[in-house]
């Protein structure tokens, strides 16, 4: 796996700093690597967060809890800890 140098969270400024609250994992008090990589492109980070929020929001046909369960099963099948 390639390692890409990204700014530390305490170095985030401007648009990137404004996104911090929406991407920080409050349980672990850090930004997950899957979002951290977007620190190089705040617009991509905002788009990724928007896609995630849209995909995980409940709808009339599929409740939020059901979406979370599907995400858990898919992540487990893919051996992904997210």
N, C-alpha and C. Protein backbone atom coordinates (compact mmCIF):
# COMPACT_ATOMS: atom_id res chain seq x y z
N UNK A 1 0.84 -1.18 0.00
CA UNK A 1 0.00 0.00 0.00
C UNK A 1 0.89 1.24 0.00
N UNK A 2 0.56 2.19 -0.83
CA UNK A 2 1.32 3.44 -0.91
C UNK A 2 0.95 4.35 0.26
N UNK A 3 1.90 5.09 0.72
CA UNK A 3 1.66 6.07 1.78
C UNK A 3 1.79 7.46 1.17
N UNK A 4 0.79 8.26 1.37
CA UNK A 4 0.76 9.61 0.83
C UNK A 4 0.87 10.59 1.98
N UNK A 5 1.79 11.51 1.88
CA UNK A 5 2.01 12.51 2.92
C UNK A 5 0.85 13.51 2.92
N UNK A 6 0.14 13.58 4.03
CA UNK A 6 -0.99 14.51 4.17
C UNK A 6 -0.74 15.41 5.37
N UNK A 7 -1.34 16.59 5.40
CA UNK A 7 -1.14 17.48 6.55
C UNK A 7 -1.76 16.89 7.82
N UNK A 8 -1.08 17.10 8.93
CA UNK A 8 -1.63 16.68 10.22
C UNK A 8 -2.90 17.48 10.49
N UNK A 9 -3.80 16.91 11.27
CA UNK A 9 -5.08 17.57 11.55
C UNK A 9 -4.89 18.95 12.19
N UNK A 10 -3.87 19.11 13.02
CA UNK A 10 -3.65 20.41 13.66
C UNK A 10 -3.07 21.45 12.68
N UNK A 11 -2.76 21.04 11.46
CA UNK A 11 -2.26 21.95 10.43
C UNK A 11 -3.35 22.36 9.43
N UNK A 12 -4.53 21.80 9.58
CA UNK A 12 -5.61 22.11 8.65
C UNK A 12 -6.00 23.57 8.78
N UNK A 13 -6.15 24.25 7.64
CA UNK A 13 -6.53 25.66 7.61
C UNK A 13 -7.62 25.89 6.58
N UNK A 14 -8.28 27.03 6.69
CA UNK A 14 -9.27 27.44 5.69
C UNK A 14 -10.40 26.45 5.49
N UNK A 15 -10.68 26.15 4.23
CA UNK A 15 -11.79 25.25 3.88
C UNK A 15 -11.61 23.88 4.53
N UNK A 16 -10.39 23.43 4.62
CA UNK A 16 -10.11 22.13 5.22
C UNK A 16 -10.47 22.13 6.70
N UNK A 17 -10.08 23.18 7.41
CA UNK A 17 -10.40 23.29 8.84
C UNK A 17 -11.91 23.34 9.06
N UNK A 18 -12.63 23.97 8.15
CA UNK A 18 -14.09 24.05 8.27
C UNK A 18 -14.74 22.68 8.13
N UNK A 19 -14.11 21.76 7.44
CA UNK A 19 -14.66 20.41 7.25
C UNK A 19 -14.38 19.49 8.43
N UNK A 20 -13.45 19.87 9.29
CA UNK A 20 -13.00 18.98 10.36
C UNK A 20 -14.15 18.39 11.17
N UNK A 21 -15.06 19.22 11.63
CA UNK A 21 -16.15 18.74 12.49
C UNK A 21 -17.02 17.69 11.80
N UNK A 22 -17.13 17.76 10.48
CA UNK A 22 -17.99 16.81 9.78
C UNK A 22 -17.28 15.49 9.46
N UNK A 23 -15.95 15.44 9.59
CA UNK A 23 -15.24 14.21 9.23
C UNK A 23 -14.49 13.55 10.39
N UNK A 24 -14.41 14.22 11.53
CA UNK A 24 -13.69 13.63 12.66
C UNK A 24 -14.50 12.47 13.24
N UNK A 25 -13.81 11.38 13.57
CA UNK A 25 -14.43 10.25 14.25
C UNK A 25 -14.41 10.58 15.74
N UNK A 26 -15.55 10.98 16.27
CA UNK A 26 -15.62 11.46 17.66
C UNK A 26 -15.31 10.36 18.68
N UNK A 27 -15.59 9.13 18.32
CA UNK A 27 -15.31 8.02 19.24
C UNK A 27 -13.81 7.85 19.46
N UNK A 28 -13.02 8.04 18.41
CA UNK A 28 -11.58 7.85 18.49
C UNK A 28 -10.80 9.17 18.41
N UNK A 29 -11.52 10.28 18.27
CA UNK A 29 -10.93 11.62 18.22
C UNK A 29 -9.83 11.74 17.15
N UNK A 30 -10.16 11.25 15.96
CA UNK A 30 -9.22 11.34 14.84
C UNK A 30 -10.00 11.29 13.53
N UNK A 31 -9.34 11.63 12.45
CA UNK A 31 -9.93 11.53 11.12
C UNK A 31 -9.46 10.20 10.52
N UNK A 32 -10.40 9.37 10.09
CA UNK A 32 -10.04 8.09 9.50
C UNK A 32 -9.22 8.29 8.23
N UNK A 33 -8.34 7.35 7.95
CA UNK A 33 -7.47 7.45 6.78
C UNK A 33 -8.24 7.65 5.49
N UNK A 34 -9.40 7.02 5.38
CA UNK A 34 -10.20 7.13 4.15
C UNK A 34 -10.62 8.58 3.89
N UNK A 35 -10.76 9.37 4.95
CA UNK A 35 -11.07 10.80 4.80
C UNK A 35 -9.80 11.65 4.83
N UNK A 36 -8.82 11.24 5.60
CA UNK A 36 -7.56 11.99 5.74
C UNK A 36 -6.90 12.22 4.38
N UNK A 37 -6.97 11.24 3.50
CA UNK A 37 -6.33 11.39 2.19
C UNK A 37 -6.91 12.58 1.42
N UNK A 38 -8.16 12.91 1.70
CA UNK A 38 -8.80 14.04 1.03
C UNK A 38 -8.30 15.39 1.56
N UNK A 39 -7.46 15.38 2.57
CA UNK A 39 -6.91 16.64 3.08
C UNK A 39 -6.12 17.37 1.99
N UNK A 40 -5.71 16.64 0.99
CA UNK A 40 -5.00 17.25 -0.14
C UNK A 40 -5.95 17.97 -1.09
N UNK A 41 -7.24 17.68 -0.96
CA UNK A 41 -8.24 18.28 -1.85
C UNK A 41 -9.55 18.45 -1.07
N UNK A 42 -9.72 19.57 -0.36
CA UNK A 42 -10.91 19.78 0.47
C UNK A 42 -12.23 19.63 -0.29
N UNK A 43 -12.25 19.99 -1.56
CA UNK A 43 -13.48 19.85 -2.35
C UNK A 43 -13.84 18.36 -2.49
N UNK A 44 -12.85 17.52 -2.69
CA UNK A 44 -13.09 16.07 -2.77
C UNK A 44 -13.56 15.54 -1.41
N UNK A 45 -12.99 16.07 -0.32
CA UNK A 45 -13.42 15.64 1.01
C UNK A 45 -14.89 15.98 1.24
N UNK A 46 -15.28 17.19 0.89
CA UNK A 46 -16.68 17.60 1.06
C UNK A 46 -17.60 16.73 0.21
N UNK A 47 -17.19 16.41 -1.01
CA UNK A 47 -18.00 15.57 -1.88
C UNK A 47 -18.13 14.16 -1.32
N UNK A 48 -17.02 13.61 -0.82
CA UNK A 48 -17.04 12.27 -0.22
C UNK A 48 -17.97 12.23 0.99
N UNK A 49 -17.86 13.24 1.85
CA UNK A 49 -18.71 13.30 3.03
C UNK A 49 -20.18 13.43 2.63
N UNK A 50 -20.47 14.23 1.61
CA UNK A 50 -21.84 14.39 1.13
C UNK A 50 -22.40 13.10 0.57
N UNK A 51 -21.59 12.36 -0.18
CA UNK A 51 -22.02 11.07 -0.73
C UNK A 51 -22.31 10.09 0.40
N UNK A 52 -21.42 10.03 1.39
CA UNK A 52 -21.62 9.13 2.53
C UNK A 52 -22.91 9.48 3.27
N UNK A 53 -23.10 10.75 3.56
CA UNK A 53 -24.30 11.18 4.29
C UNK A 53 -25.56 10.83 3.52
N UNK A 54 -25.53 11.03 2.22
CA UNK A 54 -26.69 10.72 1.38
C UNK A 54 -26.96 9.22 1.34
N UNK A 55 -25.91 8.44 1.20
CA UNK A 55 -26.06 6.99 1.12
C UNK A 55 -26.55 6.39 2.43
N UNK A 56 -26.16 6.99 3.55
CA UNK A 56 -26.51 6.40 4.85
C UNK A 56 -27.77 6.98 5.47
N UNK A 57 -28.36 8.00 4.88
CA UNK A 57 -29.59 8.58 5.42
C UNK A 57 -30.75 7.61 5.20
N UNK A 58 -31.63 7.54 6.17
CA UNK A 58 -32.80 6.68 6.04
C UNK A 58 -33.77 7.20 4.99
N UNK A 59 -34.51 6.30 4.39
CA UNK A 59 -35.55 6.66 3.42
C UNK A 59 -36.81 5.90 3.77
N UNK A 60 -37.88 6.15 3.04
CA UNK A 60 -39.13 5.42 3.29
C UNK A 60 -38.96 3.93 3.04
N UNK A 61 -38.13 3.56 2.08
CA UNK A 61 -37.99 2.15 1.71
C UNK A 61 -36.91 1.41 2.51
N UNK A 62 -35.97 2.14 3.10
CA UNK A 62 -34.89 1.49 3.84
C UNK A 62 -34.47 2.38 5.00
N UNK A 63 -34.69 1.88 6.21
CA UNK A 63 -34.37 2.66 7.40
C UNK A 63 -32.86 2.81 7.57
N UNK A 64 -32.47 3.84 8.32
CA UNK A 64 -31.05 4.09 8.58
C UNK A 64 -30.39 2.88 9.24
N UNK A 65 -31.07 2.25 10.18
CA UNK A 65 -30.49 1.09 10.87
C UNK A 65 -30.25 -0.05 9.88
N UNK A 66 -31.13 -0.21 8.89
CA UNK A 66 -30.94 -1.25 7.88
C UNK A 66 -29.73 -0.93 6.99
N UNK A 67 -29.56 0.34 6.65
CA UNK A 67 -28.40 0.75 5.85
C UNK A 67 -27.11 0.51 6.62
N UNK A 68 -27.13 0.80 7.90
CA UNK A 68 -25.94 0.56 8.73
C UNK A 68 -25.61 -0.93 8.77
N UNK A 69 -26.63 -1.78 8.86
CA UNK A 69 -26.40 -3.22 8.90
C UNK A 69 -25.80 -3.70 7.57
N UNK A 70 -26.32 -3.20 6.46
CA UNK A 70 -25.78 -3.56 5.15
C UNK A 70 -24.32 -3.12 5.05
N UNK A 71 -24.03 -1.90 5.50
CA UNK A 71 -22.66 -1.39 5.46
C UNK A 71 -21.73 -2.26 6.31
N UNK A 72 -22.21 -2.69 7.47
CA UNK A 72 -21.42 -3.54 8.35
C UNK A 72 -21.10 -4.88 7.69
N UNK A 73 -22.11 -5.50 7.09
CA UNK A 73 -21.91 -6.80 6.44
C UNK A 73 -20.97 -6.68 5.24
N UNK A 74 -21.16 -5.65 4.43
CA UNK A 74 -20.29 -5.45 3.26
C UNK A 74 -18.85 -5.18 3.71
N UNK A 75 -18.67 -4.34 4.72
CA UNK A 75 -17.32 -4.06 5.22
C UNK A 75 -16.67 -5.32 5.76
N UNK A 76 -17.43 -6.13 6.46
CA UNK A 76 -16.90 -7.38 7.00
C UNK A 76 -16.49 -8.32 5.86
N UNK A 77 -17.34 -8.44 4.86
CA UNK A 77 -17.04 -9.31 3.71
C UNK A 77 -15.80 -8.84 2.97
N UNK A 78 -15.58 -7.53 2.96
CA UNK A 78 -14.41 -6.95 2.29
C UNK A 78 -13.20 -6.83 3.20
N UNK A 79 -13.32 -7.34 4.44
CA UNK A 79 -12.24 -7.26 5.43
C UNK A 79 -11.79 -5.81 5.63
N UNK A 80 -12.78 -4.93 5.73
CA UNK A 80 -12.53 -3.50 5.91
C UNK A 80 -12.99 -3.09 7.30
N UNK A 81 -12.13 -2.44 8.08
CA UNK A 81 -12.50 -2.08 9.45
C UNK A 81 -13.37 -0.83 9.52
N UNK A 82 -13.63 -0.17 8.40
CA UNK A 82 -14.50 0.99 8.42
C UNK A 82 -15.93 0.52 8.44
